[in-house]
Protein backbone atom coordinates (compact mmCIF):
# COMPACT_ATOMS: atom_id res chain seq x y z
CA MET A 1 0.00 0.00 0.00
CA ILE A 2 1.08 3.56 -0.74
CA VAL A 3 0.12 6.43 1.57
CA ILE A 4 -0.07 9.99 0.24
CA CYS A 5 -0.37 12.41 3.15
CA GLY A 6 0.23 16.05 3.93
CA ALA A 7 -1.52 19.16 5.15
CA THR A 8 -4.53 20.72 3.46
CA ALA A 9 -3.87 22.23 0.00
CA THR A 10 -0.50 20.52 -0.53
CA GLY A 11 -1.71 18.68 -3.66
CA LYS A 12 -2.33 15.17 -2.30
CA THR A 13 -5.39 14.48 -4.43
CA ALA A 14 -3.82 15.48 -7.74
CA LEU A 15 -0.64 13.53 -7.04
CA SER A 16 -2.46 10.37 -5.97
CA ILE A 17 -4.58 10.41 -9.13
CA GLU A 18 -1.55 10.75 -11.40
CA LEU A 19 0.32 8.02 -9.50
CA CYS A 20 -2.69 5.72 -9.71
CA ARG A 21 -2.77 6.23 -13.47
CA ARG A 22 0.90 5.32 -13.67
CA PHE A 23 0.89 2.34 -11.28
CA ASP A 24 -2.61 0.96 -11.95
CA GLY A 25 -3.87 2.03 -8.57
CA GLU A 26 -7.06 3.09 -6.83
CA VAL A 27 -7.56 5.76 -4.16
CA ILE A 28 -8.76 4.94 -0.65
CA ASN A 29 -9.93 8.19 0.92
CA ALA A 30 -8.51 9.00 4.35
CA ASP A 31 -9.89 12.53 4.58
CA SER A 32 -12.67 12.87 7.14
CA ARG A 33 -14.26 15.73 5.17
CA TYR A 34 -15.08 13.60 2.12
CA PHE A 35 -17.55 11.17 3.68
CA TYR A 36 -20.79 13.14 3.42
CA ARG A 37 -22.90 13.44 0.30
CA GLY A 38 -23.74 17.05 -0.48
CA MET A 39 -20.53 18.52 0.90
CA ASP A 40 -18.41 19.17 -2.17
CA ILE A 41 -17.18 22.73 -2.65
CA GLY A 42 -16.14 23.49 0.92
CA VAL A 43 -14.18 20.28 1.35
CA ALA A 44 -12.50 20.50 -2.08
CA LYS A 45 -13.81 17.05 -2.97
CA PRO A 46 -12.41 15.95 -6.36
CA THR A 47 -15.00 16.01 -9.14
CA MET A 48 -15.52 13.03 -11.41
CA ALA A 49 -13.60 14.88 -14.13
CA GLU A 50 -10.68 15.55 -11.77
CA ARG A 51 -10.55 11.86 -10.81
CA LYS A 52 -9.66 11.05 -14.45
CA GLY A 53 -11.29 7.64 -14.34
CA VAL A 54 -9.36 6.51 -11.25
CA PRO A 55 -11.68 4.62 -8.83
CA HIS A 56 -12.08 6.34 -5.45
CA HIS A 57 -13.27 4.51 -2.34
CA LEU A 58 -14.86 5.91 0.87
CA ILE A 59 -16.08 9.14 -0.73
CA ASP A 60 -19.78 10.12 -0.50
CA ILE A 61 -20.64 7.17 1.72
CA LEU A 62 -22.73 8.93 4.41
CA ASP A 63 -26.01 10.78 4.50
CA PHE A 64 -26.51 13.43 7.16
CA ASP A 65 -29.15 11.36 8.93
CA ASP A 66 -26.96 8.27 9.26
CA SER A 67 -27.21 7.53 12.96
CA GLU A 68 -23.80 5.92 13.40
CA GLY A 69 -21.79 8.55 11.53
CA MET A 70 -18.11 7.80 11.14
CA SER A 71 -16.06 6.61 14.09
CA LEU A 72 -12.40 5.66 13.94
CA ALA A 73 -13.30 1.98 14.36
CA VAL A 74 -15.84 2.11 11.52
CA PHE A 75 -13.38 3.91 9.23
CA GLN A 76 -10.64 1.39 9.92
CA GLN A 77 -12.83 -1.56 9.02
CA LEU A 78 -14.10 0.16 5.86
CA ALA A 79 -10.53 1.02 4.88
CA PHE A 80 -9.33 -2.56 5.44
CA ALA A 81 -12.19 -3.88 3.31
CA ALA A 82 -11.50 -1.40 0.50
CA ILE A 83 -7.74 -2.05 0.53
CA ASP A 84 -8.25 -5.82 0.51
CA ASP A 85 -10.66 -5.45 -2.41
CA VAL A 86 -8.18 -3.38 -4.41
CA LEU A 87 -5.36 -5.83 -3.72
CA SER A 88 -7.53 -8.83 -4.61
CA ARG A 89 -7.97 -7.38 -8.09
CA GLY A 90 -4.23 -6.93 -8.59
CA LYS A 91 -4.36 -3.17 -8.19
CA LEU A 92 -2.25 -0.91 -5.95
CA PRO A 93 -4.12 0.90 -3.14
CA PHE A 94 -3.24 4.55 -2.45
CA LEU A 95 -4.46 5.62 1.00
CA THR A 96 -4.75 9.39 0.55
CA GLY A 97 -5.76 12.13 2.96
CA GLY A 98 -4.88 14.66 5.61
CA THR A 99 -6.36 13.00 8.70
CA PRO A 100 -3.34 11.47 10.51
CA LEU A 101 -5.52 9.57 12.99
CA TYR A 102 -7.22 7.60 10.20
CA ILE A 103 -3.95 6.94 8.39
CA ASN A 104 -2.11 5.73 11.49
CA ALA A 105 -5.00 3.53 12.63
CA THR A 106 -4.93 1.79 9.24
CA VAL A 107 -1.18 1.57 8.67
CA GLU A 108 -0.35 0.55 12.24
CA ASN A 109 -3.40 -1.76 12.63
CA TRP A 110 -4.65 -0.27 15.87
CA ARG A 111 -6.95 -2.30 18.09
CA ILE A 112 -9.91 0.02 18.53
CA PRO A 113 -12.77 -0.77 20.93
CA ALA A 114 -15.91 -1.13 18.81
CA VAL A 115 -18.05 0.69 21.35
CA PRO A 116 -20.54 3.15 19.83
CA PRO A 117 -20.98 6.53 21.52
CA ASP A 118 -23.47 6.63 24.38
CA GLU A 119 -24.59 10.23 24.03
CA ALA A 120 -26.69 10.28 27.20
CA PHE A 121 -23.81 8.88 29.28
CA ARG A 122 -21.37 11.34 27.70
CA ALA A 123 -23.65 14.32 28.31
CA ARG A 124 -24.22 13.37 31.95
CA LEU A 125 -20.51 12.88 32.65
CA ALA A 126 -19.55 16.04 30.77
CA HIS A 127 -22.05 17.98 32.90
CA GLU A 128 -20.57 16.50 36.09
CA ILE A 129 -17.05 17.46 34.98
CA GLU A 130 -18.16 20.98 34.08
CA THR A 131 -19.92 21.35 37.42
CA ASN A 132 -17.52 19.63 39.81
CA GLY A 133 -14.22 19.54 37.93
CA LEU A 134 -12.29 16.68 36.37
CA ALA A 135 -10.76 15.17 39.51
CA ALA A 136 -13.79 13.08 40.54
CA ALA A 137 -14.12 11.53 37.08
CA VAL A 138 -10.40 10.74 37.03
CA GLU A 139 -10.69 9.00 40.41
CA GLN A 140 -13.63 6.99 39.09
CA LEU A 141 -11.53 5.98 36.10
CA ARG A 142 -8.52 5.17 38.29
CA SER A 143 -10.60 2.65 40.22
CA VAL A 144 -11.32 0.61 37.06
CA ASP A 145 -8.44 1.53 34.70
CA PRO A 146 -5.44 3.08 36.46
CA VAL A 147 -3.35 2.95 33.28
CA ALA A 148 -5.85 5.04 31.34
CA ALA A 149 -6.24 7.43 34.28
CA GLU A 150 -2.50 8.01 34.36
CA ARG A 151 -2.24 8.36 30.58
CA SER A 152 -5.32 10.49 29.90
CA GLY A 153 -6.20 12.06 33.24
CA THR A 154 -5.81 15.62 31.99
CA ASN A 155 -8.03 15.12 28.92
CA PRO A 156 -11.77 15.18 29.74
CA ARG A 157 -12.74 13.69 26.38
CA ARG A 158 -10.40 10.71 26.84
CA VAL A 159 -11.53 10.21 30.45
CA ILE A 160 -15.16 10.10 29.34
CA ARG A 161 -14.34 7.69 26.52
CA ALA A 162 -12.41 5.35 28.85
CA LEU A 163 -15.31 5.26 31.30
CA GLU A 164 -17.75 4.75 28.43
CA ILE A 165 -15.76 1.75 27.17
CA TYR A 166 -15.53 0.20 30.64
CA ARG A 167 -19.26 0.72 31.15
CA ALA A 168 -20.06 -1.05 27.86
CA THR A 169 -17.54 -3.90 28.03
CA GLY A 170 -16.57 -4.34 31.65
CA LYS A 171 -12.93 -4.20 30.51
CA PRO A 172 -10.35 -1.42 30.90
CA MET A 173 -9.75 0.60 27.76
CA SER A 174 -6.00 0.24 28.29
CA GLU A 175 -6.33 -3.55 27.92
CA ILE A 176 -8.48 -3.41 24.80
CA GLU A 177 -6.53 -0.77 22.91
CA GLY A 178 -3.15 -1.42 21.32
CA LYS A 179 -1.59 -2.37 18.02
CA ASP A 180 -1.57 -5.64 16.17
CA PRO A 181 1.07 -6.46 13.50
CA PRO A 182 0.57 -4.29 10.40
CA ARG A 183 -1.68 -5.84 7.77
CA TYR A 184 0.15 -4.26 4.81
CA ARG A 185 3.65 -3.39 3.71
CA THR A 186 3.44 0.36 3.32
CA LEU A 187 5.34 3.27 1.81
CA GLU A 188 4.29 6.63 3.24
CA LEU A 189 4.93 9.74 1.15
CA GLY A 190 4.29 13.19 2.62
CA LEU A 191 3.95 16.43 0.67
CA SER A 192 5.67 19.46 2.14
CA VAL A 193 5.07 23.08 1.13
CA PRO A 194 6.79 26.10 2.76
CA ARG A 195 4.40 27.70 5.23
CA GLU A 196 3.90 31.07 3.52
CA GLN A 197 3.44 29.46 0.12
CA LEU A 198 0.92 27.07 1.62
CA TYR A 199 -1.01 29.96 3.16
CA ARG A 200 -1.20 31.64 -0.24
CA ALA A 201 -2.49 28.41 -1.80
CA ILE A 202 -5.12 28.09 0.94
CA ASP A 203 -6.26 31.68 0.51
CA ALA A 204 -6.56 31.26 -3.27
CA ARG A 205 -8.56 28.07 -2.81
CA VAL A 206 -10.96 29.71 -0.36
CA ASP A 207 -11.53 32.54 -2.85
CA ASP A 208 -12.22 29.96 -5.56
CA GLN A 209 -14.64 28.07 -3.32
CA ILE A 210 -16.59 31.24 -2.60
CA ALA A 211 -16.73 31.98 -6.33
CA GLU A 212 -17.93 28.43 -7.02
CA GLY A 213 -20.87 28.83 -4.64
CA LEU A 214 -19.79 27.73 -1.16
CA GLU A 215 -22.34 29.99 0.53
CA ARG A 216 -25.07 28.47 -1.63
CA GLU A 217 -23.89 24.97 -0.66
CA VAL A 218 -24.16 25.82 3.05
CA ARG A 219 -27.62 27.36 2.58
CA THR A 220 -28.79 24.28 0.67
CA LEU A 221 -27.67 21.95 3.45
CA LEU A 222 -29.39 24.04 6.13
CA GLU A 223 -32.58 24.28 4.06
CA ALA A 224 -32.50 20.48 3.67
CA GLY A 225 -32.74 20.19 7.45
CA VAL A 226 -29.14 19.42 8.40
CA PRO A 227 -28.85 20.75 11.99
CA ARG A 228 -26.16 23.32 12.67
CA THR A 229 -24.81 21.09 15.43
CA HIS A 230 -24.13 18.22 12.99
CA PRO A 231 -20.49 17.04 13.20
CA ALA A 232 -20.10 17.44 9.43
CA PHE A 233 -20.29 21.20 9.86
CA SER A 234 -17.00 21.11 11.76
CA ALA A 235 -15.36 20.99 8.32
CA LEU A 236 -13.74 24.35 7.65
CA GLY A 237 -15.74 26.75 5.51
CA TYR A 238 -19.22 25.81 6.68
CA ARG A 239 -19.84 26.96 10.23
CA GLN A 240 -17.91 30.17 9.51
CA LEU A 241 -20.65 31.13 7.03
CA PHE A 242 -23.54 30.78 9.51
CA PRO A 243 -23.26 34.45 10.64
CA VAL A 244 -23.39 35.54 6.99
CA ILE A 245 -26.56 33.53 6.43
CA ASP A 246 -28.04 35.00 9.62
CA GLY A 247 -27.21 38.52 8.45
CA ASP A 248 -24.88 39.14 11.38
CA GLU A 249 -21.59 39.38 9.50
CA SER A 250 -20.30 40.37 6.09
CA LEU A 251 -19.13 37.75 3.62
CA GLU A 252 -15.75 39.47 3.48
CA ASN A 253 -15.21 38.99 7.22
CA ALA A 254 -16.31 35.35 7.03
CA ILE A 255 -13.84 34.70 4.20
CA GLN A 256 -11.01 36.04 6.34
CA THR A 257 -12.15 33.84 9.22
CA ILE A 258 -12.11 30.75 6.99
CA LYS A 259 -8.60 31.56 5.82
CA HIS A 260 -7.36 32.22 9.35
CA ASP A 261 -8.93 29.03 10.74
CA THR A 262 -7.50 26.97 7.87
CA HIS A 263 -4.01 28.36 8.50
CA ARG A 264 -4.32 27.27 12.11
CA TYR A 265 -5.62 23.84 11.10
CA VAL A 266 -2.69 23.11 8.77
CA ARG A 267 -0.27 23.95 11.56
CA HIS A 268 -2.03 21.31 13.66
CA GLN A 269 -1.86 18.81 10.78
CA GLU A 270 1.84 19.43 10.26
CA THR A 271 2.57 18.91 13.95
CA TRP A 272 0.90 15.50 13.92
CA LEU A 273 2.40 14.42 10.61
CA ARG A 274 5.93 15.35 11.66
CA ARG A 275 5.64 12.90 14.54
CA ASN A 276 5.53 10.02 12.05
CA PRO A 277 9.13 8.88 11.39
CA ARG A 278 8.06 6.58 8.53
CA ILE A 279 7.05 9.40 6.19
CA VAL A 280 9.30 10.09 3.21
CA TRP A 281 8.91 13.83 2.71
CA LEU A 282 8.70 15.44 -0.73
CA ASP A 283 9.28 19.20 -0.98
CA THR A 284 6.95 20.27 -3.78
CA THR A 285 9.03 23.39 -4.44
CA GLN A 286 12.02 21.32 -5.52
CA PRO A 287 12.61 20.42 -9.20
CA ASN A 288 11.47 16.95 -10.24
CA TRP A 289 9.75 16.24 -6.93
CA GLN A 290 7.13 14.14 -8.72
CA HIS A 291 9.95 12.06 -10.22
CA HIS A 292 11.22 11.39 -6.69
CA ALA A 293 7.76 10.15 -5.73
CA ILE A 294 7.69 7.82 -8.73
CA GLN A 295 11.21 6.58 -8.02
CA SER A 296 10.38 5.90 -4.36
CA ILE A 297 7.35 3.81 -5.35
CA GLU A 298 9.29 1.89 -8.01
CA GLU A 299 12.01 1.02 -5.48
CA PHE A 300 9.38 0.05 -2.91
CA LEU A 301 7.57 -2.24 -5.33
CA ALA A 302 10.85 -3.84 -6.41
CA THR A 303 11.71 -4.75 -2.83
CA PRO A 304 10.62 -8.26 -1.80
CA PRO A 305 7.95 -8.16 0.93
CA TYR A 306 9.97 -10.51 3.09
CA ALA A 307 13.73 -10.43 3.21
CA PRO A 308 15.30 -13.91 3.42
CA LYS A 309 16.32 -14.88 6.92
CA PRO A 310 20.07 -15.42 7.43
CA ARG A 311 21.09 -19.01 7.69
């Protein structure tokens, strides 16, 4: 499997499509913004024309009223199934996206508790933490999962999740979670763009999205009954336009907010991606950087999956 990763607006989609055309591959989407039907402009989802006939998996797979949504455990299983399908047909899977959590869970074969969210339990515990502080919840967690309490005791979301998992399974989260041996031999390629150049690319893309009708897309979703609290609206470019639709802010101010928030988001992406020592970084400002990507894949594919053991 080949991974194409990088921050927003670094050119992952275009590169993966061209590499798939060269190496007879198919794209497995690992971008959390691409799952929902009806969200196209704001998430820069590739059009059918831009895909150039390359099959794409895990795009447009959710409706807004799907009760389960997309959890990490669900994504991992869908990704495994799609990758296995591509490999079974003699094709090369390209796992492509900017969501490091999804990529790492797939590449590293995380063991993820398949416990669906218990919204009532979460709301009650979140209210208790907000009212009384985090310490009591941490002590409750320490009594059933001291490892998780030590590891996540400063993170309310992780404390709630650990207690939720114990409540559903009767087992400590720290015992359930972990990593199994990787399912695939993987080459991870990361696209790097100098920060200021990346900001300019982001700003130009936001301007293009506005010109293409992003505000109309947001209005259409709201008019279709998608609640403003829906997790899909956490994608950049949507919630920032609510004040414009309400008549409380100018479009010009909202555009600047989208750009600013996206700049901040890519810094977060880069921080997480740089923690991955397996990534082979490609500076897209360097001459022939695409050739280096091709060469890396050719060398990877020429390497036997299992080196012979010394006698």
